Amino acid sequence: LEARLESRTQAFVNDPNAGVSPNGISVLFEWFARDFALAAGSVEAFIARYYDGPPGQIDTRRSLRFSWTVR
């Protein structure tokens, strides 16, 4: 289960339409910032743990649009 959660977290963070992109980060990181800070020290540190691209390309000041569609 733990490996599956890690895999899904990495896939979400690296999805430029839902997780992290140069255009911003998922609004989920804003809504649950405290949880991410407790888990990794900060939202940025949590993202850095899973993001495959260069961290300098992420705009953490902007949020991506959230989609309520089920995948």
C-alpha atoms as a PDB file:
ATOM      1  CA  LEU A   1       0.000   0.000   0.000  1.00  0.00           C
ATOM      2  CA  GLU A   2       2.780   2.436   0.920  1.00  0.00           C
ATOM      3  CA  ALA A   3       4.545   1.917  -2.416  1.00  0.00           C
ATOM      4  CA  ARG A   4       1.290   2.508  -4.284  1.00  0.00           C
ATOM      5  CA  LEU A   5       0.635   5.743  -2.368  1.00  0.00           C
ATOM      6  CA  GLU A   6       4.164   6.964  -3.112  1.00  0.00           C
ATOM      7  CA  SER A   7       3.735   6.135  -6.797  1.00  0.00           C
ATOM      8  CA  ARG A   8       0.379   7.929  -7.042  1.00  0.00           C
ATOM      9  CA  THR A   9       1.742  10.958  -5.179  1.00  0.00           C
ATOM     10  CA  GLN A  10       4.666  11.213  -7.598  1.00  0.00           C
ATOM     11  CA  ALA A  11       2.311  10.845 -10.584  1.00  0.00           C
ATOM     12  CA  PHE A  12       0.011  13.578  -9.245  1.00  0.00           C
ATOM     13  CA  VAL A  13       2.802  16.028  -8.480  1.00  0.00           C
ATOM     14  CA  ASN A  14       4.303  15.516 -11.947  1.00  0.00           C
ATOM     15  CA  ASP A  15       0.975  15.953 -13.772  1.00  0.00           C
ATOM     16  CA  PRO A  16       1.280  19.497 -15.207  1.00  0.00           C
ATOM     17  CA  ASN A  17      -2.499  19.820 -15.513  1.00  0.00           C
ATOM     18  CA  ALA A  18      -3.321  18.830 -11.952  1.00  0.00           C
ATOM     19  CA  GLY A  19      -0.254  18.849  -9.704  1.00  0.00           C
ATOM     20  CA  VAL A  20       2.727  21.090 -10.433  1.00  0.00           C
ATOM     21  CA  SER A  21       3.787  23.105 -13.460  1.00  0.00           C
ATOM     22  CA  PRO A  22       5.540  26.358 -14.350  1.00  0.00           C
ATOM     23  CA  ASN A  23       2.034  27.891 -14.309  1.00  0.00           C
ATOM     24  CA  GLY A  24       1.442  27.067 -10.646  1.00  0.00           C
ATOM     25  CA  ILE A  25       0.631  24.301  -8.195  1.00  0.00           C
ATOM     26  CA  SER A  26      -2.554  22.454  -7.344  1.00  0.00           C
ATOM     27  CA  VAL A  27      -4.902  24.414  -5.118  1.00  0.00           C
ATOM     28  CA  LEU A  28      -4.861  21.308  -2.895  1.00  0.00           C
ATOM     29  CA  PHE A  29      -1.433  22.425  -1.709  1.00  0.00           C
ATOM     30  CA  GLU A  30      -3.011  25.689  -0.554  1.00  0.00           C
ATOM     31  CA  TRP A  31      -6.078  24.076   1.012  1.00  0.00           C
ATOM     32  CA  PHE A  32      -3.980  21.535   2.947  1.00  0.00           C
ATOM     33  CA  ALA A  33      -0.756  23.535   3.392  1.00  0.00           C
ATOM     34  CA  ARG A  34      -0.602  22.670   7.087  1.00  0.00           C
ATOM     35  CA  ASP A  35      -0.689  18.934   6.357  1.00  0.00           C
ATOM     36  CA  PHE A  36       2.082  19.218   3.763  1.00  0.00           C
ATOM     37  CA  ALA A  37       4.149  21.346   6.155  1.00  0.00           C
ATOM     38  CA  LEU A  38       3.721  18.738   8.900  1.00  0.00           C
ATOM     39  CA  ALA A  39       4.775  15.970   6.511  1.00  0.00           C
ATOM     40  CA  ALA A  40       7.787  17.676   4.937  1.00  0.00           C
ATOM     41  CA  GLY A  41       8.417  21.047   6.581  1.00  0.00           C
ATOM     42  CA  SER A  42       6.727  23.094   3.847  1.00  0.00           C
ATOM     43  CA  VAL A  43       4.669  22.736   0.697  1.00  0.00           C
ATOM     44  CA  GLU A  44       7.800  23.445  -1.340  1.00  0.00           C
ATOM     45  CA  ALA A  45       9.743  20.699   0.450  1.00  0.00           C
ATOM     46  CA  PHE A  46       6.912  18.225  -0.119  1.00  0.00           C
ATOM     47  CA  ILE A  47       6.803  19.048  -3.822  1.00  0.00           C
ATOM     48  CA  ALA A  48      10.597  18.822  -4.133  1.00  0.00           C
ATOM     49  CA  ARG A  49      10.448  15.302  -2.705  1.00  0.00           C
ATOM     50  CA  TYR A  50       8.336  14.087  -5.641  1.00  0.00           C
ATOM     51  CA  TYR A  51       8.848  16.522  -8.530  1.00  0.00           C
ATOM     52  CA  ASP A  52      11.010  15.185 -11.373  1.00  0.00           C
ATOM     53  CA  GLY A  53      11.771  18.543 -12.986  1.00  0.00           C
ATOM     54  CA  PRO A  54      13.995  21.402 -11.887  1.00  0.00           C
ATOM     55  CA  PRO A  55      12.452  23.101  -8.831  1.00  0.00           C
ATOM     56  CA  GLY A  56      13.186  26.567 -10.224  1.00  0.00           C
ATOM     57  CA  GLN A  57      10.475  26.022 -12.848  1.00  0.00           C
ATOM     58  CA  ILE A  58       7.649  25.848 -10.292  1.00  0.00           C
ATOM     59  CA  ASP A  59       5.611  28.952  -9.458  1.00  0.00           C
ATOM     60  CA  THR A  60       4.316  28.192  -5.956  1.00  0.00           C
ATOM     61  CA  ARG A  61       2.642  31.618  -5.728  1.00  0.00           C
ATOM     62  CA  ARG A  62       0.004  30.688  -8.323  1.00  0.00           C
ATOM     63  CA  SER A  63      -2.633  27.961  -8.257  1.00  0.00           C
ATOM     64  CA  LEU A  64      -3.772  25.712 -11.069  1.00  0.00           C
ATOM     65  CA  ARG A  65      -7.489  25.340 -11.687  1.00  0.00           C
ATOM     66  CA  PHE A  66      -8.950  22.449  -9.737  1.00  0.00           C
ATOM     67  CA  SER A  67     -11.032  19.870 -11.588  1.00  0.00           C
ATOM     68  CA  TRP A  68     -13.698  17.999  -9.684  1.00  0.00           C
ATOM     69  CA  THR A  69     -13.920  15.296 -12.357  1.00  0.00           C
ATOM     70  CA  VAL A  70     -13.277  11.746 -11.227  1.00  0.00           C
ATOM     71  CA  ARG A  71     -10.501   9.936 -13.039  1.00  0.00           C
END
